[in-house]
Amino acid sequence: MTSFRAIILAVLASVVVTGCNTVKGAGRDIESVGQAGSDAID
């Protein structure tokens, strides 16, 4: 039972880390689109 619990915790931790990286990447993408729009206006 302890090993099952450790596996579940490892899976949850990897999902959380992956989610944070995805949100961080999306933020960078949005920032680059905003920068491109700003450059196009100038």
C-alpha atoms as a PDB file:
ATOM      1  CA  MET A   1       0.000   0.000   0.000  1.00  0.00           C
ATOM      2  CA  THR A   2       2.871   2.379   0.722  1.00  0.00           C
ATOM      3  CA  SER A   3       4.405   1.901  -2.727  1.00  0.00           C
ATOM      4  CA  PHE A   4       1.020   2.570  -4.349  1.00  0.00           C
ATOM      5  CA  ARG A   5       0.746   5.798  -2.390  1.00  0.00           C
ATOM      6  CA  ALA A   6       4.270   6.814  -3.449  1.00  0.00           C
ATOM      7  CA  ILE A   7       3.408   6.172  -7.106  1.00  0.00           C
ATOM      8  CA  ILE A   8       0.247   8.276  -6.857  1.00  0.00           C
ATOM      9  CA  LEU A   9       2.190  11.134  -5.238  1.00  0.00           C
ATOM     10  CA  ALA A  10       4.881  10.967  -7.942  1.00  0.00           C
ATOM     11  CA  VAL A  11       2.256  11.101 -10.704  1.00  0.00           C
ATOM     12  CA  LEU A  12       0.481  14.046  -9.088  1.00  0.00           C
ATOM     13  CA  ALA A  13       3.766  15.900  -8.617  1.00  0.00           C
ATOM     14  CA  SER A  14       4.701  15.405 -12.274  1.00  0.00           C
ATOM     15  CA  VAL A  15       1.277  16.668 -13.396  1.00  0.00           C
ATOM     16  CA  VAL A  16       1.643  19.790 -11.256  1.00  0.00           C
ATOM     17  CA  VAL A  17       5.151  20.514 -12.582  1.00  0.00           C
ATOM     18  CA  THR A  18       4.045  19.948 -16.167  1.00  0.00           C
ATOM     19  CA  GLY A  19       1.046  22.238 -15.663  1.00  0.00           C
ATOM     20  CA  CYS A  20       3.237  25.028 -14.349  1.00  0.00           C
ATOM     21  CA  ASN A  21       5.613  24.723 -17.288  1.00  0.00           C
ATOM     22  CA  THR A  22       2.699  24.803 -19.714  1.00  0.00           C
ATOM     23  CA  VAL A  23       1.254  27.974 -18.173  1.00  0.00           C
ATOM     24  CA  LYS A  24       4.706  29.557 -18.171  1.00  0.00           C
ATOM     25  CA  GLY A  25       5.124  28.704 -21.852  1.00  0.00           C
ATOM     26  CA  ALA A  26       1.696  30.100 -22.683  1.00  0.00           C
ATOM     27  CA  GLY A  27       2.643  33.343 -20.926  1.00  0.00           C
ATOM     28  CA  ARG A  28       5.758  33.614 -23.049  1.00  0.00           C
ATOM     29  CA  ASP A  29       3.755  32.986 -26.220  1.00  0.00           C
ATOM     30  CA  ILE A  30       1.242  35.696 -25.330  1.00  0.00           C
ATOM     31  CA  GLU A  31       4.083  38.092 -24.530  1.00  0.00           C
ATOM     32  CA  SER A  32       5.763  37.443 -27.881  1.00  0.00           C
ATOM     33  CA  VAL A  33       2.485  38.027 -29.739  1.00  0.00           C
ATOM     34  CA  GLY A  34       2.042  41.321 -27.901  1.00  0.00           C
ATOM     35  CA  GLN A  35       5.589  42.343 -28.756  1.00  0.00           C
ATOM     36  CA  ALA A  36       5.070  41.478 -32.431  1.00  0.00           C
ATOM     37  CA  GLY A  37       1.873  43.551 -32.503  1.00  0.00           C
ATOM     38  CA  SER A  38       3.634  46.456 -30.868  1.00  0.00           C
ATOM     39  CA  ASP A  39       6.479  46.257 -33.379  1.00  0.00           C
ATOM     40  CA  ALA A  40       3.995  46.165 -36.270  1.00  0.00           C
ATOM     41  CA  ILE A  41       2.238  49.314 -35.022  1.00  0.00           C
ATOM     42  CA  ASP A  42       5.556  51.185 -34.685  1.00  0.00           C
END
